Amino acid sequence: MITFTVLGKPVTQPRQKFCRDGHSYTPDNGIVAYREAIALAAKAAGALPTERAPLTLEIEWVFVRPKSHFKASGELNPRTALPLPPGDGSNYLKGVEDALNGIAWKDDVQIGKWNLSKSYGPEARTTVRIT
C-alpha cells in the first residue's frame, strides 16, 4: 500500500479544445503543475510501476470553503454555502490517474476499484492511497 498527500487546491483535467484550423490542445488550468506534484509525491512515497491488477485507488480531495460561504459573523450562510465543492469528480480523477501512469502502475487500465470523495476542510489537499 502506498499513501501520499499533495497540499494545495485540487485541479480538474480540462477538456481538449479544438481550433478552426483542425488542431487541438489542452488548456493549462494548473493541471501540469498538479500532475507533477502528484507524480513527485508518489515517487517519494515509494511508488514503482507495477503490472499487478486489479489495483484499488482511493482519493480524497479536500477544498477550503470560499469566503462567500460565510456570513460576516463567521457562521456558514445556508444560501451561499454549497454542500459539496464544485467540479466533476471524474475530471479530478483523470488528472490523478494520468499523473501516475508509469509511476504507480504501467497504465490506469489496471485499476479495478475506485473510492473517491470530495469535501470541505481547513486545508486544500489531495490524499491518494493505492493498494
C-alpha atoms as a PDB file:
ATOM      1  CA  MET A   1       0.000   0.000   0.000  1.00  0.00           C
ATOM      2  CA  ILE A   2       1.206   3.491  -0.858  1.00  0.00           C
ATOM      3  CA  THR A   3      -0.279   6.640   0.658  1.00  0.00           C
ATOM      4  CA  PHE A   4       0.698  10.231  -0.013  1.00  0.00           C
ATOM      5  CA  THR A   5      -0.737  13.732   0.236  1.00  0.00           C
ATOM      6  CA  VAL A   6      -0.270  16.734  -2.034  1.00  0.00           C
ATOM      7  CA  LEU A   7      -1.091  20.069  -0.425  1.00  0.00           C
ATOM      8  CA  GLY A   8      -2.884  22.727  -2.447  1.00  0.00           C
ATOM      9  CA  LYS A   9      -6.135  23.074  -4.321  1.00  0.00           C
ATOM     10  CA  PRO A  10      -7.039  20.029  -6.433  1.00  0.00           C
ATOM     11  CA  VAL A  11      -7.190  20.672 -10.187  1.00  0.00           C
ATOM     12  CA  THR A  12      -9.513  19.144 -12.782  1.00  0.00           C
ATOM     13  CA  GLN A  13      -8.263  17.678 -16.042  1.00  0.00           C
ATOM     14  CA  PRO A  14      -9.527  20.207 -18.622  1.00  0.00           C
ATOM     15  CA  ARG A  15     -11.318  19.153 -21.771  1.00  0.00           C
ATOM     16  CA  GLN A  16      -9.456  19.226 -25.039  1.00  0.00           C
ATOM     17  CA  LYS A  17     -10.157  22.335 -27.149  1.00  0.00           C
ATOM     18  CA  PHE A  18     -10.454  22.297 -30.938  1.00  0.00           C
ATOM     19  CA  CYS A  19      -9.447  25.158 -33.228  1.00  0.00           C
ATOM     20  CA  ARG A  20     -10.990  26.122 -36.547  1.00  0.00           C
ATOM     21  CA  ASP A  21      -7.815  25.072 -38.377  1.00  0.00           C
ATOM     22  CA  GLY A  22      -8.299  21.491 -37.118  1.00  0.00           C
ATOM     23  CA  HIS A  23      -5.624  21.236 -34.446  1.00  0.00           C
ATOM     24  CA  SER A  24      -6.423  20.641 -30.797  1.00  0.00           C
ATOM     25  CA  TYR A  25      -4.830  21.491 -27.460  1.00  0.00           C
ATOM     26  CA  THR A  26      -5.456  21.038 -23.765  1.00  0.00           C
ATOM     27  CA  PRO A  27      -5.524  24.319 -21.844  1.00  0.00           C
ATOM     28  CA  ASP A  28      -3.278  24.500 -18.784  1.00  0.00           C
ATOM     29  CA  ASN A  29      -5.501  25.411 -15.864  1.00  0.00           C
ATOM     30  CA  GLY A  30      -2.758  24.406 -13.443  1.00  0.00           C
ATOM     31  CA  ILE A  31      -3.049  20.716 -14.316  1.00  0.00           C
ATOM     32  CA  VAL A  32       0.586  20.392 -15.441  1.00  0.00           C
ATOM     33  CA  ALA A  33       1.986  21.513 -12.062  1.00  0.00           C
ATOM     34  CA  TYR A  34      -0.677  19.490 -10.197  1.00  0.00           C
ATOM     35  CA  ARG A  35       0.178  16.290 -12.088  1.00  0.00           C
ATOM     36  CA  GLU A  36       3.891  16.880 -11.486  1.00  0.00           C
ATOM     37  CA  ALA A  37       3.227  17.309  -7.750  1.00  0.00           C
ATOM     38  CA  ILE A  38       1.191  14.078  -7.694  1.00  0.00           C
ATOM     39  CA  ALA A  39       3.981  12.199  -9.514  1.00  0.00           C
ATOM     40  CA  LEU A  40       6.720  13.544  -7.221  1.00  0.00           C
ATOM     41  CA  ALA A  41       4.758  12.701  -4.062  1.00  0.00           C
ATOM     42  CA  ALA A  42       4.075   9.168  -5.342  1.00  0.00           C
ATOM     43  CA  LYS A  43       7.764   8.611  -6.080  1.00  0.00           C
ATOM     44  CA  ALA A  44       8.725   9.967  -2.644  1.00  0.00           C
ATOM     45  CA  ALA A  45       6.242   7.519  -1.077  1.00  0.00           C
ATOM     46  CA  GLY A  46       7.983   4.639  -2.852  1.00  0.00           C
ATOM     47  CA  ALA A  47       5.679   4.058  -5.808  1.00  0.00           C
ATOM     48  CA  LEU A  48       7.034   1.804  -8.533  1.00  0.00           C
ATOM     49  CA  PRO A  49       5.275   0.926 -11.798  1.00  0.00           C
ATOM     50  CA  THR A  50       3.659  -2.423 -11.112  1.00  0.00           C
ATOM     51  CA  GLU A  51       1.994  -4.773 -13.574  1.00  0.00           C
ATOM     52  CA  ARG A  52      -0.307  -6.194 -10.901  1.00  0.00           C
ATOM     53  CA  ALA A  53      -4.028  -5.921 -11.297  1.00  0.00           C
ATOM     54  CA  PRO A  54      -6.570  -5.184 -10.077  1.00  0.00           C
ATOM     55  CA  LEU A  55      -5.416  -2.181  -8.093  1.00  0.00           C
ATOM     56  CA  THR A  56      -7.572  -0.133  -5.745  1.00  0.00           C
ATOM     57  CA  LEU A  57      -7.300   3.645  -5.957  1.00  0.00           C
ATOM     58  CA  GLU A  58      -8.638   5.780  -3.113  1.00  0.00           C
ATOM     59  CA  ILE A  59      -8.567   9.552  -3.453  1.00  0.00           C
ATOM     60  CA  GLU A  60      -9.771  12.214  -1.075  1.00  0.00           C
ATOM     61  CA  TRP A  61      -9.961  15.764  -2.418  1.00  0.00           C
ATOM     62  CA  VAL A  62     -10.338  18.471   0.221  1.00  0.00           C
ATOM     63  CA  PHE A  63     -11.133  22.104  -0.589  1.00  0.00           C
ATOM     64  CA  VAL A  64     -11.159  25.242   1.554  1.00  0.00           C
ATOM     65  CA  ARG A  65     -14.545  26.934   1.631  1.00  0.00           C
ATOM     66  CA  PRO A  66     -14.548  30.334  -0.099  1.00  0.00           C
ATOM     67  CA  LYS A  67     -15.306  33.443   1.963  1.00  0.00           C
ATOM     68  CA  SER A  68     -18.624  33.780   0.117  1.00  0.00           C
ATOM     69  CA  HIS A  69     -19.904  30.728   2.052  1.00  0.00           C
ATOM     70  CA  PHE A  70     -19.793  32.637   5.348  1.00  0.00           C
ATOM     71  CA  LYS A  71     -21.765  35.431   6.943  1.00  0.00           C
ATOM     72  CA  ALA A  72     -19.967  38.451   8.427  1.00  0.00           C
ATOM     73  CA  SER A  73     -20.370  36.758  11.832  1.00  0.00           C
ATOM     74  CA  GLY A  74     -18.258  33.821  10.609  1.00  0.00           C
ATOM     75  CA  GLU A  75     -21.022  31.223  10.517  1.00  0.00           C
ATOM     76  CA  LEU A  76     -21.977  29.355   7.337  1.00  0.00           C
ATOM     77  CA  ASN A  77     -24.523  31.110   5.153  1.00  0.00           C
ATOM     78  CA  PRO A  78     -27.081  28.476   4.085  1.00  0.00           C
ATOM     79  CA  ARG A  79     -27.935  30.479   0.948  1.00  0.00           C
ATOM     80  CA  THR A  80     -24.401  30.554  -0.437  1.00  0.00           C
ATOM     81  CA  ALA A  81     -22.657  27.557   1.173  1.00  0.00           C
ATOM     82  CA  LEU A  82     -22.641  24.669  -1.282  1.00  0.00           C
ATOM     83  CA  PRO A  83     -22.809  21.183   0.293  1.00  0.00           C
ATOM     84  CA  LEU A  84     -20.022  19.895  -1.980  1.00  0.00           C
ATOM     85  CA  PRO A  85     -17.094  21.573  -3.718  1.00  0.00           C
ATOM     86  CA  PRO A  86     -17.733  22.367  -7.392  1.00  0.00           C
ATOM     87  CA  GLY A  87     -16.208  20.296 -10.160  1.00  0.00           C
ATOM     88  CA  ASP A  88     -16.889  16.932 -11.705  1.00  0.00           C
ATOM     89  CA  GLY A  89     -15.208  14.156  -9.702  1.00  0.00           C
ATOM     90  CA  SER A  90     -14.327  12.244 -12.859  1.00  0.00           C
ATOM     91  CA  ASN A  91     -12.351  15.254 -14.136  1.00  0.00           C
ATOM     92  CA  TYR A  92     -10.379  15.400 -10.875  1.00  0.00           C
ATOM     93  CA  LEU A  93      -9.822  11.636 -11.116  1.00  0.00           C
ATOM     94  CA  LYS A  94      -8.467  11.730 -14.672  1.00  0.00           C
ATOM     95  CA  GLY A  95      -5.671  14.122 -13.742  1.00  0.00           C
ATOM     96  CA  VAL A  96      -4.513  11.898 -10.866  1.00  0.00           C
ATOM     97  CA  GLU A  97      -4.739   8.703 -12.928  1.00  0.00           C
ATOM     98  CA  ASP A  98      -2.737  10.212 -15.788  1.00  0.00           C
ATOM     99  CA  ALA A  99      -0.113  11.593 -13.387  1.00  0.00           C
ATOM    100  CA  LEU A 100       0.500   8.097 -12.014  1.00  0.00           C
ATOM    101  CA  ASN A 101       0.793   6.269 -15.353  1.00  0.00           C
ATOM    102  CA  GLY A 102       4.277   4.764 -15.479  1.00  0.00           C
ATOM    103  CA  ILE A 103       4.891   5.684 -11.830  1.00  0.00           C
ATOM    104  CA  ALA A 104       2.466   3.654  -9.678  1.00  0.00           C
ATOM    105  CA  TRP A 105       1.254   1.352 -12.457  1.00  0.00           C
ATOM    106  CA  LYS A 106       2.038   0.686 -16.105  1.00  0.00           C
ATOM    107  CA  ASP A 107      -1.367   2.018 -17.202  1.00  0.00           C
ATOM    108  CA  ASP A 108      -4.513   3.101 -15.379  1.00  0.00           C
ATOM    109  CA  VAL A 109      -6.404   0.227 -17.021  1.00  0.00           C
ATOM    110  CA  GLN A 110      -5.034  -1.829 -14.088  1.00  0.00           C
ATOM    111  CA  ILE A 111      -7.338  -0.041 -11.635  1.00  0.00           C
ATOM    112  CA  GLY A 112     -10.305  -2.221 -10.759  1.00  0.00           C
ATOM    113  CA  LYS A 113     -11.793  -0.329  -7.824  1.00  0.00           C
ATOM    114  CA  TRP A 114     -12.131   3.356  -7.025  1.00  0.00           C
ATOM    115  CA  ASN A 115     -13.093   5.003  -3.755  1.00  0.00           C
ATOM    116  CA  LEU A 116     -13.410   8.757  -4.275  1.00  0.00           C
ATOM    117  CA  SER A 117     -14.531  11.617  -2.056  1.00  0.00           C
ATOM    118  CA  LYS A 118     -14.511  15.396  -2.158  1.00  0.00           C
ATOM    119  CA  SER A 119     -15.292  17.629   0.782  1.00  0.00           C
ATOM    120  CA  TYR A 120     -14.526  20.908   2.507  1.00  0.00           C
ATOM    121  CA  GLY A 121     -11.854  21.174   5.179  1.00  0.00           C
ATOM    122  CA  PRO A 122      -9.375  23.536   6.791  1.00  0.00           C
ATOM    123  CA  GLU A 123      -6.610  22.893   4.237  1.00  0.00           C
ATOM    124  CA  ALA A 124      -6.796  22.107   0.499  1.00  0.00           C
ATOM    125  CA  ARG A 125      -5.170  18.781  -0.353  1.00  0.00           C
ATOM    126  CA  THR A 126      -5.294  15.560  -2.338  1.00  0.00           C
ATOM    127  CA  THR A 127      -4.666  12.303  -0.488  1.00  0.00           C
ATOM    128  CA  VAL A 128      -4.040   9.185  -2.585  1.00  0.00           C
ATOM    129  CA  ARG A 129      -3.953   5.564  -1.405  1.00  0.00           C
ATOM    130  CA  ILE A 130      -3.065   2.719  -3.776  1.00  0.00           C
ATOM    131  CA  THR A 131      -3.459  -0.954  -2.844  1.00  0.00           C
END
